[in-house]
Protein backbone atom coordinates (compact mmCIF):
# COMPACT_ATOMS: atom_id res chain seq x y z
CA MET A 1 0.00 0.00 0.00
CA ALA A 2 1.45 3.39 -1.10
CA LYS A 3 2.41 5.76 1.70
CA LYS A 4 0.42 9.00 1.75
CA LYS A 5 2.49 12.00 0.62
CA GLU A 6 3.68 14.21 3.49
CA VAL A 7 2.18 17.70 3.26
CA THR A 8 4.64 20.45 4.14
CA VAL A 9 3.77 23.50 6.26
CA GLU A 10 4.17 25.69 3.17
CA GLU A 11 1.69 23.52 1.25
CA LYS A 12 -0.74 23.78 4.16
CA LEU A 13 -0.35 27.58 4.18
CA ARG A 14 -0.91 27.76 0.43
CA ALA A 15 -3.98 25.51 0.75
CA LEU A 16 -5.29 27.68 3.61
CA TYR A 17 -4.82 30.87 1.61
CA ASP A 18 -6.44 29.26 -1.46
CA LEU A 19 -9.35 28.20 0.73
CA GLN A 20 -9.61 31.77 2.01
CA LEU A 21 -9.65 33.14 -1.56
CA ILE A 22 -12.38 30.66 -2.52
CA ASP A 23 -14.52 31.47 0.53
CA SER A 24 -14.06 35.21 -0.07
CA ARG A 25 -15.21 34.74 -3.67
CA ILE A 26 -18.28 32.80 -2.43
CA ASP A 27 -18.95 35.66 0.02
CA GLU A 28 -18.78 38.12 -2.91
CA ILE A 29 -21.29 36.03 -4.88
CA ARG A 30 -23.66 35.90 -1.93
CA ASN A 31 -23.27 39.63 -1.34
CA MET A 32 -24.35 40.18 -4.95
CA ARG A 33 -27.69 38.70 -3.96
CA GLY A 34 -27.73 41.08 -1.02
CA GLU A 35 -31.05 41.16 0.79
CA LEU A 36 -32.93 39.77 -2.22
CA PRO A 37 -33.57 36.27 -0.79
CA LEU A 38 -34.95 37.82 2.42
CA GLU A 39 -36.99 40.37 0.46
CA VAL A 40 -38.49 37.57 -1.66
CA GLU A 41 -39.27 35.53 1.47
CA ASP A 42 -40.92 38.53 3.19
CA LEU A 43 -43.00 39.31 0.08
CA GLU A 44 -44.06 35.66 -0.23
CA ASP A 45 -45.16 35.71 3.43
CA GLU A 46 -47.04 38.98 2.87
CA VAL A 47 -48.81 37.64 -0.26
CA ALA A 48 -49.71 34.43 1.60
CA GLY A 49 -51.12 36.52 4.48
CA LEU A 50 -53.16 38.70 2.12
CA THR A 51 -54.43 35.59 0.29
CA LYS A 52 -55.67 34.15 3.60
CA ARG A 53 -57.32 37.48 4.42
CA ILE A 54 -59.13 37.49 1.06
CA GLU A 55 -60.29 33.91 1.62
CA LYS A 56 -61.60 34.86 5.08
CA LEU A 57 -63.39 37.97 3.75
CA GLU A 58 -65.00 35.98 0.93
CA SER A 59 -66.06 33.31 3.43
CA ASP A 60 -67.53 36.02 5.71
CA LEU A 61 -69.49 37.52 2.79
CA VAL A 62 -70.99 34.13 1.92
CA GLU A 63 -71.90 33.60 5.57
CA LEU A 64 -73.51 37.05 5.85
CA ASP A 65 -75.49 36.42 2.67
CA GLU A 66 -76.75 33.14 4.15
CA LYS A 67 -77.73 34.95 7.36
CA ILE A 68 -79.72 37.55 5.37
CA LYS A 69 -81.53 34.79 3.47
CA ALA A 70 -82.32 33.04 6.76
CA LYS A 71 -83.73 36.26 8.27
CA GLN A 72 -85.75 36.95 5.11
CA HIS A 73 -87.17 33.43 5.31
CA PHE A 74 -87.94 34.01 8.99
CA ILE A 75 -89.77 37.29 8.11
CA THR A 76 -91.84 35.49 5.48
CA GLU A 77 -92.86 32.84 8.01
CA ALA A 78 -93.68 35.51 10.61
CA GLN A 79 -95.84 37.38 8.08
CA GLU A 80 -97.70 34.16 7.30
CA LEU A 81 -98.31 33.63 11.02
CA ILE A 82 -99.65 37.21 11.34
CA LYS A 83 -102.07 36.54 8.46
CA LYS A 84 -103.12 33.30 10.15
CA TYR A 85 -103.66 34.96 13.55
CA LYS A 86 -105.64 37.84 12.02
CA LYS A 87 -107.88 35.36 10.27
CA GLN A 88 -108.37 33.47 13.51
CA GLN A 89 -109.40 36.74 15.22
CA ASP A 90 -112.42 36.87 12.94
CA ASN A 91 -113.68 33.64 14.47
CA VAL A 92 -112.89 34.07 18.17
CA ARG A 93 -115.51 33.31 20.78
CA ASN A 94 -114.40 35.77 23.45
CA ASN A 95 -112.13 38.73 24.21
CA ARG A 96 -109.54 36.56 25.95
CA GLU A 97 -108.88 34.58 22.74
CA PHE A 98 -108.81 37.84 20.74
CA ASP A 99 -106.27 39.40 23.15
CA ALA A 100 -104.10 36.26 23.06
CA LEU A 101 -104.00 36.37 19.25
CA THR A 102 -103.26 40.12 19.36
CA LYS A 103 -100.25 39.43 21.59
CA GLU A 104 -99.03 36.76 19.15
CA ILE A 105 -99.40 39.22 16.26
CA GLU A 106 -97.51 41.93 18.20
CA TYR A 107 -94.78 39.40 19.10
CA GLN A 108 -94.36 38.38 15.44
CA GLU A 109 -94.28 42.05 14.39
CA LEU A 110 -91.50 42.70 16.95
CA GLU A 111 -89.64 39.64 15.65
CA ILE A 112 -89.94 41.01 12.08
CA GLU A 113 -88.58 44.41 13.22
CA LEU A 114 -85.65 42.69 14.94
CA ALA A 115 -84.97 40.53 11.87
CA GLU A 116 -85.07 43.62 9.61
CA LYS A 117 -82.62 45.35 11.97
CA HIS A 118 -80.28 42.35 11.74
CA ILE A 119 -80.57 42.40 7.92
CA ARG A 120 -79.56 46.08 7.88
CA GLU A 121 -76.58 45.28 10.11
CA PHE A 122 -75.58 42.35 7.91
CA LYS A 123 -75.83 44.54 4.79
CA ALA A 124 -73.65 47.21 6.45
CA GLN A 125 -71.09 44.53 7.27
CA ILE A 126 -71.24 43.27 3.69
CA GLU A 127 -70.63 46.79 2.39
CA HIS A 128 -67.65 47.28 4.71
CA LYS A 129 -66.14 43.86 4.03
CA THR A 130 -66.60 44.31 0.27
CA GLU A 131 -64.64 47.58 0.44
CA VAL A 132 -61.89 45.90 2.48
CA LEU A 133 -61.89 42.96 0.04
CA GLU A 134 -61.41 45.25 -2.98
CA THR A 135 -58.63 47.17 -1.21
CA THR A 136 -56.93 43.90 -0.24
CA LYS A 137 -57.19 42.57 -3.81
CA GLU A 138 -55.56 45.76 -5.11
CA LYS A 139 -52.82 45.45 -2.49
CA ILE A 140 -52.14 41.78 -3.25
CA ALA A 141 -51.92 42.56 -6.99
CA GLN A 142 -49.29 45.22 -6.24
CA ARG A 143 -47.34 42.97 -3.85
CA GLN A 144 -47.52 40.04 -6.29
CA GLU A 145 -46.16 42.23 -9.09
CA HIS A 146 -43.35 43.39 -6.80
CA LEU A 147 -42.68 39.77 -5.76
CA ASP A 148 -42.53 38.57 -9.38
CA HIS A 149 -40.03 41.34 -10.17
CA LYS A 150 -37.83 40.48 -7.17
CA LYS A 151 -38.01 36.74 -7.90
CA SER A 152 -37.00 37.36 -11.50
CA GLU A 153 -34.12 39.52 -10.31
CA LEU A 154 -33.02 36.81 -7.86
CA ASP A 155 -33.40 34.03 -10.44
CA ASN A 156 -31.18 35.92 -12.88
CA ILE A 157 -28.47 36.35 -10.25
CA LEU A 158 -28.77 32.69 -9.22
CA GLN A 159 -28.47 31.53 -12.84
CA GLU A 160 -25.34 33.61 -13.23
CA THR A 161 -23.69 32.55 -9.99
CA GLU A 162 -25.10 29.21 -8.78
CA LYS A 163 -22.85 26.98 -10.91
CA GLU A 164 -19.79 29.03 -9.99
CA GLU A 165 -20.66 28.85 -6.28
CA GLU A 166 -21.13 25.07 -6.42
CA ALA A 167 -17.84 24.61 -8.31
CA LEU A 168 -16.02 26.84 -5.81
CA ALA A 169 -17.47 24.93 -2.86
CA LYS A 170 -16.25 21.62 -4.36
CA LYS A 171 -12.81 23.13 -5.00
CA GLY A 172 -12.72 24.39 -1.41
CA GLU A 173 -13.39 20.87 -0.13
CA SER A 174 -10.45 19.57 -2.19
CA PHE A 175 -8.11 22.15 -0.62
CA LYS A 176 -9.24 21.07 2.85
CA LYS A 177 -7.76 17.61 2.15
CA ASP A 178 -4.26 19.15 2.26
CA ILE A 179 -4.94 20.66 5.69
CA GLU A 180 -5.36 18.66 8.90
CA GLU A 181 -8.79 18.76 10.49
CA ARG A 182 -7.75 20.87 13.52
CA LEU A 183 -6.45 23.63 11.21
CA VAL A 184 -9.62 23.54 9.11
CA LYS A 185 -11.72 23.86 12.27
CA ALA A 186 -9.52 26.72 13.50
CA TYR A 187 -9.86 28.45 10.11
CA GLU A 188 -13.65 28.07 10.13
CA ARG A 189 -13.88 29.30 13.74
CA ILE A 190 -11.80 32.41 12.93
CA ARG A 191 -13.91 33.11 9.83
CA THR A 192 -17.07 32.99 11.94
CA ASN A 193 -15.64 35.41 14.51
CA VAL A 194 -14.43 38.14 12.12
CA LYS A 195 -16.72 40.57 10.29
CA ASN A 196 -15.20 40.30 6.82
CA GLY A 197 -14.68 36.53 6.96
CA LEU A 198 -10.89 36.88 6.50
CA ALA A 199 -9.23 34.15 8.58
CA VAL A 200 -5.95 34.09 6.58
CA VAL A 201 -4.28 37.45 5.94
CA THR A 202 -0.98 38.88 4.76
CA ILE A 203 1.32 41.35 6.46
CA GLU A 204 0.67 44.88 5.22
CA ARG A 205 3.05 47.70 6.27
CA GLY A 206 4.39 45.58 9.09
CA ALA A 207 0.96 44.70 10.53
CA SER A 208 -1.47 41.86 9.85
CA GLY A 209 -4.34 42.59 7.50
CA GLY A 210 -7.27 43.87 9.53
CA SER A 211 -5.08 44.89 12.48
CA PHE A 212 -3.07 48.01 13.37
CA PHE A 213 -0.67 46.14 15.65
CA THR A 214 2.85 45.82 14.25
CA ILE A 215 4.27 42.32 13.77
CA PRO A 216 7.78 42.06 15.30
CA PRO A 217 10.54 41.67 12.65
CA GLN A 218 11.55 38.24 14.00
CA VAL A 219 7.97 36.98 13.59
CA GLN A 220 7.85 38.41 10.06
CA VAL A 221 11.00 36.39 9.25
CA GLU A 222 9.34 33.25 10.65
CA ILE A 223 6.21 33.90 8.56
CA ALA A 224 8.32 34.31 5.40
CA ALA A 225 10.19 31.05 6.22
CA ARG A 226 6.85 29.13 6.04
CA ARG A 227 8.03 26.50 8.53
CA LYS A 228 5.07 26.80 10.90
CA VAL A 229 1.53 28.16 11.01
CA ILE A 230 1.60 31.48 12.84
CA ILE A 231 -1.49 33.16 14.28
CA ASP A 232 -1.53 36.89 15.00
CA GLU A 233 -1.89 37.35 18.75
CA HIS A 234 -3.96 40.55 18.33
CA SER A 235 -6.42 39.75 15.51
CA GLY A 236 -6.42 35.96 15.93
CA ARG A 237 -5.94 35.49 12.17
CA ILE A 238 -3.57 33.09 10.42
CA LEU A 239 -0.64 34.97 8.84
CA VAL A 240 1.05 34.38 5.46
CA ASP A 241 3.76 36.35 3.70
CA GLN A 242 3.01 38.75 0.85
CA VAL A 243 4.91 36.75 -1.81
CA LEU A 244 2.94 33.56 -1.10
CA ALA A 245 -0.30 35.54 -1.12
CA GLU A 246 0.48 37.14 -4.50
CA GLU A 247 1.43 33.79 -6.04
CA GLU A 248 -1.74 32.10 -4.82
CA THR A 249 -3.95 35.06 -5.78
CA GLU A 250 -2.63 34.95 -9.35
CA LYS A 251 -3.17 31.21 -9.52
CA MET A 252 -6.70 31.40 -8.09
CA GLN A 253 -7.73 34.32 -10.33
CA LYS A 254 -7.10 32.05 -13.33
CA LEU A 255 -9.24 29.35 -11.70
CA PHE A 256 -12.06 31.81 -10.97
CA LYS A 257 -12.13 32.90 -14.63
CA LYS A 258 -12.56 29.27 -15.72
CA LEU A 259 -15.37 28.68 -13.24
CA SER A 260 -17.28 31.92 -13.91
């Protein structure tokens, strides 16, 4: 069985810097999308909410219409009872029966008045809900148009960048194979803890990228020697020398052009 090739510290540093360049490019691609995915999600939620509101309003209007029909049917029945009681009054045998029928007629008349009042209230509710329904339909049409525009915008960006992002992610995984797991975890932890996602940086004007603290000359010599992985004690980032960074940047720029 063939012995696995020993990876030098310099090769690990180059792989780490390449990984950083890849992740930074992926960050750029995602920044191009900006807030679009969240905007699309918010608009979809808003349209879904408005759709439910329309469904509820339409359901309420059907229910109110049914209530009006029920009250109208009740009024018709009450009117029939009034006719019946009035006819019975013509054939009563005494005042007590006449008064009893009169009370029934008055009761039915009060019931009709109450039913008519309810019908007026239901019609007022219908009028109000119809206005709200029309306003909501206008609003959902506007939001849907806005959503379609944003989705189209996002789809175009995704079409342009999705393949490149996937290819970069695969390439990044291949670079991780040249770095031991503890270093990969350290790199990922540093990336999470810094705002710009730069875990591997060069020395610029005697200080590490992203820090104003000067790197001692002896440490700069050690970084340039590429014999060990050095972490900046102030920024917590992994340090590489400028020459290595320039060489890897040139190499990776060619790769990015092929993938884009």
